[in-house]
Amino acid sequence: MQNRIIQERRESFLREILSEALGNLQDSRLNNLQVTRVECSKGKYDAKVFIEKGDLSLQEQEQIIRAFKKAKSIIGEYIVNVSGWHTAPKLSLRFDRELEMQNRLDKIFMQINDTTNNK
């Protein structure tokens, strides 16, 4: 239980730092991204960074991934400087589809509700 709390605090802290780091970059493709969550490995060596997919096209997503890869070293330095950690975790970028899936579920439930109310 204690380990899970520490893990969640670490992920939350890293999410804040990453949002700041991305916002400070000069690349407009990256500085407007919204970090929705971060999943760290137990030793904080690896971190999956989830960003809001929104209505980004596949081409825009690919451009963002390329720009993120180029900026990894700058982001890593920022993490080390702000956090005081000896090293930054190895970052991998993912597009979060949870909001999209939640909206789909909401529409389905509304349709079910409408159908049952009309009977």
PDB file of N, CA and C in Angstrom:
ATOM      1  N   MET A   1       0.826  -1.197   0.000  1.00  0.00           N
ATOM      2  CA  MET A   1       0.000   0.000   0.000  1.00  0.00           C
ATOM      3  C   MET A   1       0.870   1.261   0.000  1.00  0.00           C
ATOM      4  N   GLN A   2       1.868   1.269   0.898  1.00  0.00           N
ATOM      5  CA  GLN A   2       2.771   2.421   1.001  1.00  0.00           C
ATOM      6  C   GLN A   2       3.514   2.637  -0.318  1.00  0.00           C
ATOM      7  N   ASN A   3       3.966   1.538  -0.937  1.00  0.00           N
ATOM      8  CA  ASN A   3       4.684   1.640  -2.204  1.00  0.00           C
ATOM      9  C   ASN A   3       3.798   2.239  -3.288  1.00  0.00           C
ATOM     10  N   ARG A   4       2.520   1.891  -3.295  1.00  0.00           N
ATOM     11  CA  ARG A   4       1.594   2.415  -4.302  1.00  0.00           C
ATOM     12  C   ARG A   4       1.403   3.919  -4.139  1.00  0.00           C
ATOM     13  N   ILE A   5       1.326   4.362  -2.891  1.00  0.00           N
ATOM     14  CA  ILE A   5       1.176   5.800  -2.628  1.00  0.00           C
ATOM     15  C   ILE A   5       2.406   6.554  -3.110  1.00  0.00           C
ATOM     16  N   ILE A   6       3.577   6.021  -2.802  1.00  0.00           N
ATOM     17  CA  ILE A   6       4.825   6.649  -3.261  1.00  0.00           C
ATOM     18  C   ILE A   6       4.864   6.690  -4.787  1.00  0.00           C
ATOM     19  N   GLN A   7       4.457   5.603  -5.424  1.00  0.00           N
ATOM     20  CA  GLN A   7       4.441   5.520  -6.888  1.00  0.00           C
ATOM     21  C   GLN A   7       3.496   6.577  -7.478  1.00  0.00           C
ATOM     22  N   GLU A   8       2.318   6.726  -6.916  1.00  0.00           N
ATOM     23  CA  GLU A   8       1.352   7.707  -7.412  1.00  0.00           C
ATOM     24  C   GLU A   8       1.847   9.127  -7.215  1.00  0.00           C
ATOM     25  N   ARG A   9       2.495   9.392  -6.089  1.00  0.00           N
ATOM     26  CA  ARG A   9       3.043  10.730  -5.846  1.00  0.00           C
ATOM     27  C   ARG A   9       4.151  11.038  -6.852  1.00  0.00           C
ATOM     28  N   ARG A  10       5.002  10.047  -7.125  1.00  0.00           N
ATOM     29  CA  ARG A  10       6.083  10.215  -8.096  1.00  0.00           C
ATOM     30  C   ARG A  10       5.509  10.516  -9.480  1.00  0.00           C
ATOM     31  N   GLU A  11       4.487   9.774  -9.872  1.00  0.00           N
ATOM     32  CA  GLU A  11       3.873   9.962 -11.193  1.00  0.00           C
ATOM     33  C   GLU A  11       3.208  11.329 -11.300  1.00  0.00           C
ATOM     34  N   SER A  12       2.540  11.738 -10.231  1.00  0.00           N
ATOM     35  CA  SER A  12       1.892  13.049 -10.222  1.00  0.00           C
ATOM     36  C   SER A  12       2.923  14.174 -10.320  1.00  0.00           C
ATOM     37  N   PHE A  13       4.001  14.045  -9.546  1.00  0.00           N
ATOM     38  CA  PHE A  13       5.082  15.031  -9.580  1.00  0.00           C
ATOM     39  C   PHE A  13       5.701  15.109 -10.970  1.00  0.00           C
ATOM     40  N   LEU A  14       5.954  13.958 -11.556  1.00  0.00           N
ATOM     41  CA  LEU A  14       6.549  13.917 -12.889  1.00  0.00           C
ATOM     42  C   LEU A  14       5.600  14.506 -13.926  1.00  0.00           C
ATOM     43  N   ARG A  15       4.313  14.285 -13.766  1.00  0.00           N
ATOM     44  CA  ARG A  15       3.326  14.858 -14.686  1.00  0.00           C
ATOM     45  C   ARG A  15       3.385  16.389 -14.658  1.00  0.00           C
ATOM     46  N   GLU A  16       3.486  16.948 -13.458  1.00  0.00           N
ATOM     47  CA  GLU A  16       3.598  18.400 -13.321  1.00  0.00           C
ATOM     48  C   GLU A  16       4.872  18.926 -13.983  1.00  0.00           C
ATOM     49  N   ILE A  17       5.985  18.260 -13.697  1.00  0.00           N
ATOM     50  CA  ILE A  17       7.266  18.692 -14.262  1.00  0.00           C
ATOM     51  C   ILE A  17       7.235  18.619 -15.783  1.00  0.00           C
ATOM     52  N   LEU A  18       6.682  17.545 -16.320  1.00  0.00           N
ATOM     53  CA  LEU A  18       6.625  17.388 -17.771  1.00  0.00           C
ATOM     54  C   LEU A  18       5.740  18.450 -18.415  1.00  0.00           C
ATOM     55  N   SER A  19       4.646  18.787 -17.774  1.00  0.00           N
ATOM     56  CA  SER A  19       3.781  19.848 -18.303  1.00  0.00           C
ATOM     57  C   SER A  19       4.544  21.165 -18.373  1.00  0.00           C
ATOM     58  N   GLU A  20       5.304  21.460 -17.328  1.00  0.00           N
ATOM     59  CA  GLU A  20       6.123  22.677 -17.315  1.00  0.00           C
ATOM     60  C   GLU A  20       7.198  22.616 -18.394  1.00  0.00           C
ATOM     61  N   ALA A  21       7.872  21.485 -18.490  1.00  0.00           N
ATOM     62  CA  ALA A  21       8.961  21.342 -19.463  1.00  0.00           C
ATOM     63  C   ALA A  21       8.444  21.517 -20.888  1.00  0.00           C
ATOM     64  N   LEU A  22       7.338  20.881 -21.198  1.00  0.00           N
ATOM     65  CA  LEU A  22       6.774  21.009 -22.544  1.00  0.00           C
ATOM     66  C   LEU A  22       6.329  22.441 -22.817  1.00  0.00           C
ATOM     67  N   GLY A  23       5.761  23.084 -21.814  1.00  0.00           N
ATOM     68  CA  GLY A  23       5.312  24.469 -21.971  1.00  0.00           C
ATOM     69  C   GLY A  23       6.449  25.440 -22.196  1.00  0.00           C
ATOM     70  N   ASN A  24       7.645  25.110 -21.715  1.00  0.00           N
ATOM     71  CA  ASN A  24       8.804  25.991 -21.864  1.00  0.00           C
ATOM     72  C   ASN A  24       9.545  25.802 -23.184  1.00  0.00           C
ATOM     73  N   LEU A  25       9.198  24.773 -23.928  1.00  0.00           N
ATOM     74  CA  LEU A  25       9.888  24.524 -25.195  1.00  0.00           C
ATOM     75  C   LEU A  25       9.463  25.534 -26.253  1.00  0.00           C
ATOM     76  N   GLN A  26      10.331  25.762 -27.201  1.00  0.00           N
ATOM     77  CA  GLN A  26      10.045  26.711 -28.277  1.00  0.00           C
ATOM     78  C   GLN A  26       9.258  26.085 -29.428  1.00  0.00           C
ATOM     79  N   ASP A  27       9.019  24.793 -29.361  1.00  0.00           N
ATOM     80  CA  ASP A  27       8.318  24.073 -30.428  1.00  0.00           C
ATOM     81  C   ASP A  27       6.814  24.136 -30.172  1.00  0.00           C
ATOM     82  N   SER A  28       6.080  24.779 -31.070  1.00  0.00           N
ATOM     83  CA  SER A  28       4.636  24.950 -30.883  1.00  0.00           C
ATOM     84  C   SER A  28       3.881  23.624 -30.929  1.00  0.00           C
ATOM     85  N   ARG A  29       4.475  22.601 -31.540  1.00  0.00           N
ATOM     86  CA  ARG A  29       3.818  21.287 -31.564  1.00  0.00           C
ATOM     87  C   ARG A  29       3.826  20.659 -30.174  1.00  0.00           C
ATOM     88  N   LEU A  30       4.810  21.017 -29.363  1.00  0.00           N
ATOM     89  CA  LEU A  30       4.959  20.400 -28.052  1.00  0.00           C
ATOM     90  C   LEU A  30       4.456  21.261 -26.902  1.00  0.00           C
ATOM     91  N   ASN A  31       4.607  22.566 -26.998  1.00  0.00           N
ATOM     92  CA  ASN A  31       4.303  23.378 -25.823  1.00  0.00           C
ATOM     93  C   ASN A  31       2.813  23.556 -25.553  1.00  0.00           C
ATOM     94  N   ASN A  32       1.950  23.071 -26.437  1.00  0.00           N
ATOM     95  CA  ASN A  32       0.511  23.145 -26.197  1.00  0.00           C
ATOM     96  C   ASN A  32      -0.087  21.795 -25.809  1.00  0.00           C
ATOM     97  N   LEU A  33       0.759  20.789 -25.644  1.00  0.00           N
ATOM     98  CA  LEU A  33       0.254  19.455 -25.322  1.00  0.00           C
ATOM     99  C   LEU A  33      -0.197  19.380 -23.869  1.00  0.00           C
ATOM    100  N   GLN A  34      -1.215  18.581 -23.636  1.00  0.00           N
ATOM    101  CA  GLN A  34      -1.727  18.376 -22.291  1.00  0.00           C
ATOM    102  C   GLN A  34      -1.352  16.972 -21.816  1.00  0.00           C
ATOM    103  N   VAL A  35      -0.524  16.910 -20.789  1.00  0.00           N
ATOM    104  CA  VAL A  35      -0.135  15.626 -20.209  1.00  0.00           C
ATOM    105  C   VAL A  35      -1.287  15.157 -19.327  1.00  0.00           C
ATOM    106  N   THR A  36      -1.865  14.008 -19.679  1.00  0.00           N
ATOM    107  CA  THR A  36      -3.013  13.514 -18.922  1.00  0.00           C
ATOM    108  C   THR A  36      -2.595  12.602 -17.781  1.00  0.00           C
ATOM    109  N   ARG A  37      -1.542  11.824 -17.988  1.00  0.00           N
ATOM    110  CA  ARG A  37      -1.056  10.946 -16.931  1.00  0.00           C
ATOM    111  C   ARG A  37       0.348  10.475 -17.270  1.00  0.00           C
ATOM    112  N   VAL A  38       1.015   9.959 -16.259  1.00  0.00           N
ATOM    113  CA  VAL A  38       2.352   9.396 -16.406  1.00  0.00           C
ATOM    114  C   VAL A  38       2.366   8.075 -15.659  1.00  0.00           C
ATOM    115  N   GLU A  39       2.933   7.050 -16.275  1.00  0.00           N
ATOM    116  CA  GLU A  39       3.085   5.755 -15.626  1.00  0.00           C
ATOM    117  C   GLU A  39       4.580   5.448 -15.535  1.00  0.00           C
ATOM    118  N   CYS A  40       5.083   5.373 -14.311  1.00  0.00           N
ATOM    119  CA  CYS A  40       6.509   5.107 -14.083  1.00  0.00           C
ATOM    120  C   CYS A  40       6.723   3.634 -13.767  1.00  0.00           C
ATOM    121  N   SER A  41       7.901   3.141 -14.133  1.00  0.00           N
ATOM    122  CA  SER A  41       8.303   1.817 -13.676  1.00  0.00           C
ATOM    123  C   SER A  41       8.635   1.931 -12.194  1.00  0.00           C
ATOM    124  N   LYS A  42       8.768   0.810 -11.528  1.00  0.00           N
ATOM    125  CA  LYS A  42       8.987   0.846 -10.076  1.00  0.00           C
ATOM    126  C   LYS A  42      10.244   1.602  -9.685  1.00  0.00           C
ATOM    127  N   GLY A  43      11.286   1.491 -10.448  1.00  0.00           N
ATOM    128  CA  GLY A  43      12.527   2.178 -10.107  1.00  0.00           C
ATOM    129  C   GLY A  43      12.653   3.538 -10.745  1.00  0.00           C
ATOM    130  N   LYS A  44      11.592   4.038 -11.306  1.00  0.00           N
ATOM    131  CA  LYS A  44      11.502   5.314 -12.046  1.00  0.00           C
ATOM    132  C   LYS A  44      12.546   5.416 -13.162  1.00  0.00           C
ATOM    133  N   TYR A  45      12.885   4.260 -13.737  1.00  0.00           N
ATOM    134  CA  TYR A  45      13.824   4.260 -14.866  1.00  0.00           C
ATOM    135  C   TYR A  45      13.114   4.550 -16.179  1.00  0.00           C
ATOM    136  N   ASP A  46      11.880   4.135 -16.268  1.00  0.00           N
ATOM    137  CA  ASP A  46      11.086   4.347 -17.480  1.00  0.00           C
ATOM    138  C   ASP A  46       9.792   5.050 -17.099  1.00  0.00           C
ATOM    139  N   ALA A  47       9.323   5.904 -18.009  1.00  0.00           N
ATOM    140  CA  ALA A  47       8.052   6.585 -17.773  1.00  0.00           C
ATOM    141  C   ALA A  47       7.303   6.713 -19.093  1.00  0.00           C
ATOM    142  N   LYS A  48       6.070   6.269 -19.079  1.00  0.00           N
ATOM    143  CA  LYS A  48       5.181   6.451 -20.226  1.00  0.00           C
ATOM    144  C   LYS A  48       4.415   7.741 -19.997  1.00  0.00           C
ATOM    145  N   VAL A  49       4.537   8.653 -20.960  1.00  0.00           N
ATOM    146  CA  VAL A  49       3.889   9.950 -20.858  1.00  0.00           C
ATOM    147  C   VAL A  49       2.678   9.934 -21.783  1.00  0.00           C
ATOM    148  N   PHE A  50       1.500  10.106 -21.205  1.00  0.00           N
ATOM    149  CA  PHE A  50       0.269  10.105 -21.990  1.00  0.00           C
ATOM    150  C   PHE A  50      -0.190  11.535 -22.194  1.00  0.00           C
ATOM    151  N   ILE A  51      -0.456  11.874 -23.448  1.00  0.00           N
ATOM    152  CA  ILE A  51      -0.948  13.206 -23.769  1.00  0.00           C
ATOM    153  C   ILE A  51      -2.318  13.087 -24.419  1.00  0.00           C
ATOM    154  N   GLU A  52      -3.098  14.152 -24.293  1.00  0.00           N
ATOM    155  CA  GLU A  52      -4.443  14.179 -24.849  1.00  0.00           C
ATOM    156  C   GLU A  52      -4.371  14.133 -26.371  1.00  0.00           C
ATOM    157  N   LYS A  53      -5.050  13.162 -26.943  1.00  0.00           N
ATOM    158  CA  LYS A  53      -5.041  12.975 -28.390  1.00  0.00           C
ATOM    159  C   LYS A  53      -5.896  14.025 -29.076  1.00  0.00           C
ATOM    160  N   GLY A  54      -7.042  14.332 -28.489  1.00  0.00           N
ATOM    161  CA  GLY A  54      -7.936  15.320 -29.076  1.00  0.00           C
ATOM    162  C   GLY A  54      -8.303  14.956 -30.494  1.00  0.00           C
ATOM    163  N   ASP A  55      -8.270  15.938 -31.370  1.00  0.00           N
ATOM    164  CA  ASP A  55      -8.618  15.705 -32.780  1.00  0.00           C
ATOM    165  C   ASP A  55      -7.381  15.764 -33.682  1.00  0.00           C
ATOM    166  N   LEU A  56      -6.253  15.342 -33.145  1.00  0.00           N
ATOM    167  CA  LEU A  56      -5.017  15.339 -33.930  1.00  0.00           C
ATOM    168  C   LEU A  56      -5.085  14.267 -35.012  1.00  0.00           C
ATOM    169  N   SER A  57      -4.660  14.626 -36.192  1.00  0.00           N
ATOM    170  CA  SER A  57      -4.607  13.656 -37.281  1.00  0.00           C
ATOM    171  C   SER A  57      -3.414  12.732 -37.072  1.00  0.00           C
ATOM    172  N   LEU A  58      -3.382  11.654 -37.815  1.00  0.00           N
ATOM    173  CA  LEU A  58      -2.278  10.704 -37.716  1.00  0.00           C
ATOM    174  C   LEU A  58      -0.957  11.380 -38.083  1.00  0.00           C
ATOM    175  N   GLN A  59      -0.995  12.237 -39.085  1.00  0.00           N
ATOM    176  CA  GLN A  59       0.212  12.959 -39.506  1.00  0.00           C
ATOM    177  C   GLN A  59       0.696  13.895 -38.389  1.00  0.00           C
ATOM    178  N   GLU A  60      -0.224  14.589 -37.743  1.00  0.00           N
ATOM    179  CA  GLU A  60       0.153  15.483 -36.647  1.00  0.00           C
ATOM    180  C   GLU A  60       0.731  14.691 -35.474  1.00  0.00           C
ATOM    181  N   GLN A  61       0.152  13.528 -35.200  1.00  0.00           N
ATOM    182  CA  GLN A  61       0.676  12.680 -34.129  1.00  0.00           C
ATOM    183  C   GLN A  61       2.103  12.248 -34.423  1.00  0.00           C
ATOM    184  N   GLU A  62       2.372  11.868 -35.652  1.00  0.00           N
ATOM    185  CA  GLU A  62       3.724  11.461 -36.033  1.00  0.00           C
ATOM    186  C   GLU A  62       4.705  12.612 -35.896  1.00  0.00           C
ATOM    187  N   GLN A  63       4.285  13.828 -36.281  1.00  0.00           N
ATOM    188  CA  GLN A  63       5.149  15.001 -36.142  1.00  0.00           C
ATOM    189  C   GLN A  63       5.446  15.283 -34.668  1.00  0.00           C
ATOM    190  N   ILE A  64       4.453  15.123 -33.823  1.00  0.00           N
ATOM    191  CA  ILE A  64       4.633  15.359 -32.393  1.00  0.00           C
ATOM    192  C   ILE A  64       5.603  14.338 -31.808  1.00  0.00           C
ATOM    193  N   ILE A  65       5.462  13.089 -32.212  1.00  0.00           N
ATOM    194  CA  ILE A  65       6.369  12.045 -31.712  1.00  0.00           C
ATOM    195  C   ILE A  65       7.808  12.336 -32.135  1.00  0.00           C
ATOM    196  N   ARG A  66       8.007  12.744 -33.384  1.00  0.00           N
ATOM    197  CA  ARG A  66       9.360  13.088 -33.844  1.00  0.00           C
ATOM    198  C   ARG A  66       9.920  14.282 -33.075  1.00  0.00           C
ATOM    199  N   ALA A  67       9.105  15.303 -32.881  1.00  0.00           N
ATOM    200  CA  ALA A  67       9.556  16.487 -32.143  1.00  0.00           C
ATOM    201  C   ALA A  67       9.877  16.136 -30.693  1.00  0.00           C
ATOM    202  N   PHE A  68       9.073  15.254 -30.101  1.00  0.00           N
ATOM    203  CA  PHE A  68       9.314  14.834 -28.720  1.00  0.00           C
ATOM    204  C   PHE A  68      10.630  14.082 -28.612  1.00  0.00           C
ATOM    205  N   LYS A  69      10.913  13.215 -29.562  1.00  0.00           N
ATOM    206  CA  LYS A  69      12.172  12.470 -29.544  1.00  0.00           C
ATOM    207  C   LYS A  69      13.367  13.418 -29.618  1.00  0.00           C
ATOM    208  N   LYS A  70      13.243  14.456 -30.427  1.00  0.00           N
ATOM    209  CA  LYS A  70      14.335  15.428 -30.536  1.00  0.00           C
ATOM    210  C   LYS A  70      14.518  16.223 -29.246  1.00  0.00           C
ATOM    211  N   ALA A  71      13.435  16.447 -28.525  1.00  0.00           N
ATOM    212  CA  ALA A  71      13.487  17.277 -27.322  1.00  0.00           C
ATOM    213  C   ALA A  71      13.722  16.474 -26.046  1.00  0.00           C
ATOM    214  N   LYS A  72      13.853  15.157 -26.151  1.00  0.00           N
ATOM    215  CA  LYS A  72      13.990  14.313 -24.952  1.00  0.00           C
ATOM    216  C   LYS A  72      15.142  14.738 -24.054  1.00  0.00           C
ATOM    217  N   SER A  73      16.278  15.057 -24.641  1.00  0.00           N
ATOM    218  CA  SER A  73      17.434  15.407 -23.804  1.00  0.00           C
ATOM    219  C   SER A  73      17.180  16.706 -23.036  1.00  0.00           C
ATOM    220  N   ILE A  74      16.553  17.669 -23.679  1.00  0.00           N
ATOM    221  CA  ILE A  74      16.233  18.940 -23.004  1.00  0.00           C
ATOM    222  C   ILE A  74      15.221  18.698 -21.888  1.00  0.00           C
ATOM    223  N   ILE A  75      14.225  17.886 -22.171  1.00  0.00           N
ATOM    224  CA  ILE A  75      13.205  17.569 -21.168  1.00  0.00           C
ATOM    225  C   ILE A  75      13.843  16.812 -20.004  1.00  0.00           C
ATOM    226  N   GLY A  76      14.738  15.880 -20.319  1.00  0.00           N
ATOM    227  CA  GLY A  76      15.435  15.119 -19.273  1.00  0.00           C
ATOM    228  C   GLY A  76      16.256  16.015 -18.371  1.00  0.00           C
ATOM    229  N   GLU A  77      16.976  16.976 -18.958  1.00  0.00           N
ATOM    230  CA  GLU A  77      17.752  17.931 -18.155  1.00  0.00           C
ATOM    231  C   GLU A  77      16.838  18.739 -17.244  1.00  0.00           C
ATOM    232  N   TYR A  78      15.711  19.151 -17.773  1.00  0.00           N
ATOM    233  CA  TYR A  78      14.759  19.930 -16.982  1.00  0.00           C
ATOM    234  C   TYR A  78      14.270  19.109 -15.790  1.00  0.00           C
ATOM    235  N   ILE A  79      13.953  17.850 -16.039  1.00  0.00           N
ATOM    236  CA  ILE A  79      13.477  16.970 -14.958  1.00  0.00           C
ATOM    237  C   ILE A  79      14.531  16.842 -13.873  1.00  0.00           C
ATOM    238  N   VAL A  80      15.778  16.613 -14.266  1.00  0.00           N
ATOM    239  CA  VAL A  80      16.861  16.460 -13.293  1.00  0.00           C
ATOM    240  C   VAL A  80      17.050  17.745 -12.489  1.00  0.00           C
ATOM    241  N   ASN A  81      17.036  18.881 -13.159  1.00  0.00           N
ATOM    242  CA  ASN A  81      17.246  20.158 -12.475  1.00  0.00           C
ATOM    243  C   ASN A  81      16.120  20.487 -11.491  1.00  0.00           C
ATOM    244  N   VAL A  82      14.887  20.238 -11.883  1.00  0.00           N
ATOM    245  CA  VAL A  82      13.755  20.594 -11.033  1.00  0.00           C
ATOM    246  C   VAL A  82      13.549  19.585  -9.910  1.00  0.00           C
ATOM    247  N   SER A  83      13.729  18.306 -10.219  1.00  0.00           N
ATOM    248  CA  SER A  83      13.416  17.252  -9.251  1.00  0.00           C
ATOM    249  C   SER A  83      14.541  16.979  -8.262  1.00  0.00           C
ATOM    250  N   GLY A  84      15.777  17.207  -8.688  1.00  0.00           N
ATOM    251  CA  GLY A  84      16.912  16.852  -7.851  1.00  0.00           C
ATOM    252  C   GLY A  84      17.306  15.386  -7.975  1.00  0.00           C
ATOM    253  N   TRP A  85      16.648  14.668  -8.864  1.00  0.00           N
ATOM    254  CA  TRP A  85      17.002  13.269  -9.100  1.00  0.00           C
ATOM    255  C   TRP A  85      18.355  13.215  -9.804  1.00  0.00           C
ATOM    256  N   HIS A  86      19.033  12.087  -9.697  1.00  0.00           N
ATOM    257  CA  HIS A  86      20.333  11.942 -10.356  1.00  0.00           C
ATOM    258  C   HIS A  86      20.183  11.753 -11.858  1.00  0.00           C
ATOM    259  N   THR A  87      19.144  11.061 -12.261  1.00  0.00           N
ATOM    260  CA  THR A  87      18.880  10.853 -13.685  1.00  0.00           C
ATOM    261  C   THR A  87      17.390  11.000 -13.942  1.00  0.00           C
ATOM    262  N   ALA A  88      17.085  11.319 -15.158  1.00  0.00           N
ATOM    263  CA  ALA A  88      15.683  11.395 -15.572  1.00  0.00           C
ATOM    264  C   ALA A  88      15.258  10.028 -16.103  1.00  0.00           C
ATOM    265  N   PRO A  89      13.999   9.698 -15.953  1.00  0.00           N
ATOM    266  CA  PRO A  89      13.551   8.419 -16.511  1.00  0.00           C
ATOM    267  C   PRO A  89      13.571   8.456 -18.036  1.00  0.00           C
ATOM    268  N   LYS A  90      13.669   7.281 -18.627  1.00  0.00           N
ATOM    269  CA  LYS A  90      13.573   7.157 -20.080  1.00  0.00           C
ATOM    270  C   LYS A  90      12.106   7.380 -20.448  1.00  0.00           C
ATOM    271  N   LEU A  91      11.858   8.407 -21.238  1.00  0.00           N
ATOM    272  CA  LEU A  91      10.492   8.811 -21.546  1.00  0.00           C
ATOM    273  C   LEU A  91      10.012   8.212 -22.860  1.00  0.00           C
ATOM    274  N   SER A  92       8.776   7.769 -22.862  1.00  0.00           N
ATOM    275  CA  SER A  92       8.127   7.354 -24.111  1.00  0.00           C
ATOM    276  C   SER A  92       6.768   8.031 -24.166  1.00  0.00           C
ATOM    277  N   LEU A  93       6.430   8.532 -25.330  1.00  0.00           N
ATOM    278  CA  LEU A  93       5.212   9.313 -25.516  1.00  0.00           C
ATOM    279  C   LEU A  93       4.101   8.425 -26.053  1.00  0.00           C
ATOM    280  N   ARG A  94       2.924   8.562 -25.464  1.00  0.00           N
ATOM    281  CA  ARG A  94       1.735   7.825 -25.898  1.00  0.00           C
ATOM    282  C   ARG A  94       0.579   8.800 -26.005  1.00  0.00           C
ATOM    283  N   PHE A  95      -0.343   8.494 -26.899  1.00  0.00           N
ATOM    284  CA  PHE A  95      -1.546   9.307 -27.017  1.00  0.00           C
ATOM    285  C   PHE A  95      -2.661   8.651 -26.214  1.00  0.00           C
ATOM    286  N   ASP A  96      -3.241   9.416 -25.314  1.00  0.00           N
ATOM    287  CA  ASP A  96      -4.267   8.911 -24.405  1.00  0.00           C
ATOM    288  C   ASP A  96      -5.621   8.915 -25.102  1.00  0.00           C
ATOM    289  N   ARG A  97      -6.261   7.764 -25.114  1.00  0.00           N
ATOM    290  CA  ARG A  97      -7.558   7.639 -25.772  1.00  0.00           C
ATOM    291  C   ARG A  97      -8.692   7.472 -24.767  1.00  0.00           C
ATOM    292  N   GLU A  98      -8.407   7.638 -23.489  1.00  0.00           N
ATOM    293  CA  GLU A  98      -9.432   7.432 -22.466  1.00  0.00           C
ATOM    294  C   GLU A  98     -10.601   8.385 -22.610  1.00  0.00           C
ATOM    295  N   LEU A  99     -10.328   9.664 -22.875  1.00  0.00           N
ATOM    296  CA  LEU A  99     -11.406  10.636 -23.024  1.00  0.00           C
ATOM    297  C   LEU A  99     -12.279  10.283 -24.229  1.00  0.00           C
ATOM    298  N   GLU A 100     -11.644   9.894 -25.306  1.00  0.00           N
ATOM    299  CA  GLU A 100     -12.378   9.487 -26.503  1.00  0.00           C
ATOM    300  C   GLU A 100     -13.272   8.283 -26.204  1.00  0.00           C
ATOM    301  N   MET A 101     -12.742   7.301 -25.505  1.00  0.00           N
ATOM    302  CA  MET A 101     -13.529   6.113 -25.167  1.00  0.00           C
ATOM    303  C   MET A 101     -14.655   6.462 -24.194  1.00  0.00           C
ATOM    304  N   GLN A 102     -14.394   7.360 -23.251  1.00  0.00           N
ATOM    305  CA  GLN A 102     -15.429   7.776 -22.299  1.00  0.00           C
ATOM    306  C   GLN A 102     -16.567   8.486 -23.025  1.00  0.00           C
ATOM    307  N   ASN A 103     -16.242   9.327 -23.997  1.00  0.00           N
ATOM    308  CA  ASN A 103     -17.276  10.017 -24.778  1.00  0.00           C
ATOM    309  C   ASN A 103     -18.122   9.021 -25.561  1.00  0.00           C
ATOM    310  N   ARG A 104     -17.492   8.006 -26.121  1.00  0.00           N
ATOM    311  CA  ARG A 104     -18.239   6.976 -26.837  1.00  0.00           C
ATOM    312  C   ARG A 104     -19.189   6.236 -25.905  1.00  0.00           C
ATOM    313  N   LEU A 105     -18.699   5.880 -24.725  1.00  0.00           N
ATOM    314  CA  LEU A 105     -19.548   5.197 -23.750  1.00  0.00           C
ATOM    315  C   LEU A 105     -20.721   6.082 -23.326  1.00  0.00           C
ATOM    316  N   ASP A 106     -20.459   7.361 -23.119  1.00  0.00           N
ATOM    317  CA  ASP A 106     -21.529   8.281 -22.752  1.00  0.00           C
ATOM    318  C   ASP A 106     -22.613   8.321 -23.830  1.00  0.00           C
ATOM    319  N   LYS A 107     -22.199   8.350 -25.098  1.00  0.00           N
ATOM    320  CA  LYS A 107     -23.169   8.358 -26.196  1.00  0.00           C
ATOM    321  C   LYS A 107     -23.991   7.072 -26.213  1.00  0.00           C
ATOM    322  N   ILE A 108     -23.334   5.953 -25.991  1.00  0.00           N
ATOM    323  CA  ILE A 108     -24.038   4.666 -25.972  1.00  0.00           C
ATOM    324  C   ILE A 108     -25.057   4.637 -24.830  1.00  0.00           C
ATOM    325  N   PHE A 109     -24.657   5.091 -23.653  1.00  0.00           N
ATOM    326  CA  PHE A 109     -25.574   5.104 -22.515  1.00  0.00           C
ATOM    327  C   PHE A 109     -26.743   6.059 -22.751  1.00  0.00           C
ATOM    328  N   MET A 110     -26.483   7.182 -23.402  1.00  0.00           N
ATOM    329  CA  MET A 110     -27.565   8.107 -23.728  1.00  0.00           C
ATOM    330  C   MET A 110     -28.555   7.466 -24.702  1.00  0.00           C
ATOM    331  N   GLN A 111     -28.025   6.742 -25.699  1.00  0.00           N
ATOM    332  CA  GLN A 111     -28.894   6.054 -26.650  1.00  0.00           C
ATOM    333  C   GLN A 111     -29.729   4.992 -25.944  1.00  0.00           C
ATOM    334  N   ILE A 112     -29.121   4.251 -25.033  1.00  0.00           N
ATOM    335  CA  ILE A 112     -29.848   3.224 -24.282  1.00  0.00           C
ATOM    336  C   ILE A 112     -30.932   3.874 -23.430  1.00  0.00           C
ATOM    337  N   ASN A 113     -30.579   4.970 -22.787  1.00  0.00           N
ATOM    338  CA  ASN A 113     -31.534   5.683 -21.955  1.00  0.00           C
ATOM    339  C   ASN A 113     -32.693   6.211 -22.793  1.00  0.00           C
ATOM    340  N   ASP A 114     -32.399   6.782 -23.954  1.00  0.00           N
ATOM    341  CA  ASP A 114     -33.444   7.288 -24.845  1.00  0.00           C
ATOM    342  C   ASP A 114     -34.355   6.170 -25.310  1.00  0.00           C
ATOM    343  N   THR A 115     -33.775   5.022 -25.619  1.00  0.00           N
ATOM    344  CA  THR A 115     -34.548   3.873 -26.109  1.00  0.00           C
ATOM    345  C   THR A 115     -35.486   3.368 -25.024  1.00  0.00           C
ATOM    346  N   THR A 116     -34.999   3.268 -23.795  1.00  0.00           N
ATOM    347  CA  THR A 116     -35.839   2.759 -22.709  1.00  0.00           C
ATOM    348  C   THR A 116     -36.897   3.763 -22.301  1.00  0.00           C
ATOM    349  N   ASN A 117     -36.626   5.048 -22.442  1.00  0.00           N
ATOM    350  CA  ASN A 117     -37.608   6.081 -22.106  1.00  0.00           C
ATOM    351  C   ASN A 117     -38.712   6.185 -23.157  1.00  0.00           C
ATOM    352  N   ASN A 118     -38.427   5.833 -24.389  1.00  0.00           N
ATOM    353  CA  ASN A 118     -39.389   5.919 -25.473  1.00  0.00           C
ATOM    354  C   ASN A 118     -40.328   4.731 -25.528  1.00  0.00           C
ATOM    355  N   LYS A 119     -40.070   3.708 -24.754  1.00  0.00           N
ATOM    356  CA  LYS A 119     -40.933   2.518 -24.787  1.00  0.00           C
ATOM    357  C   LYS A 119     -42.151   2.664 -23.964  1.00  0.00           C
TER     358      LYS A 119
END
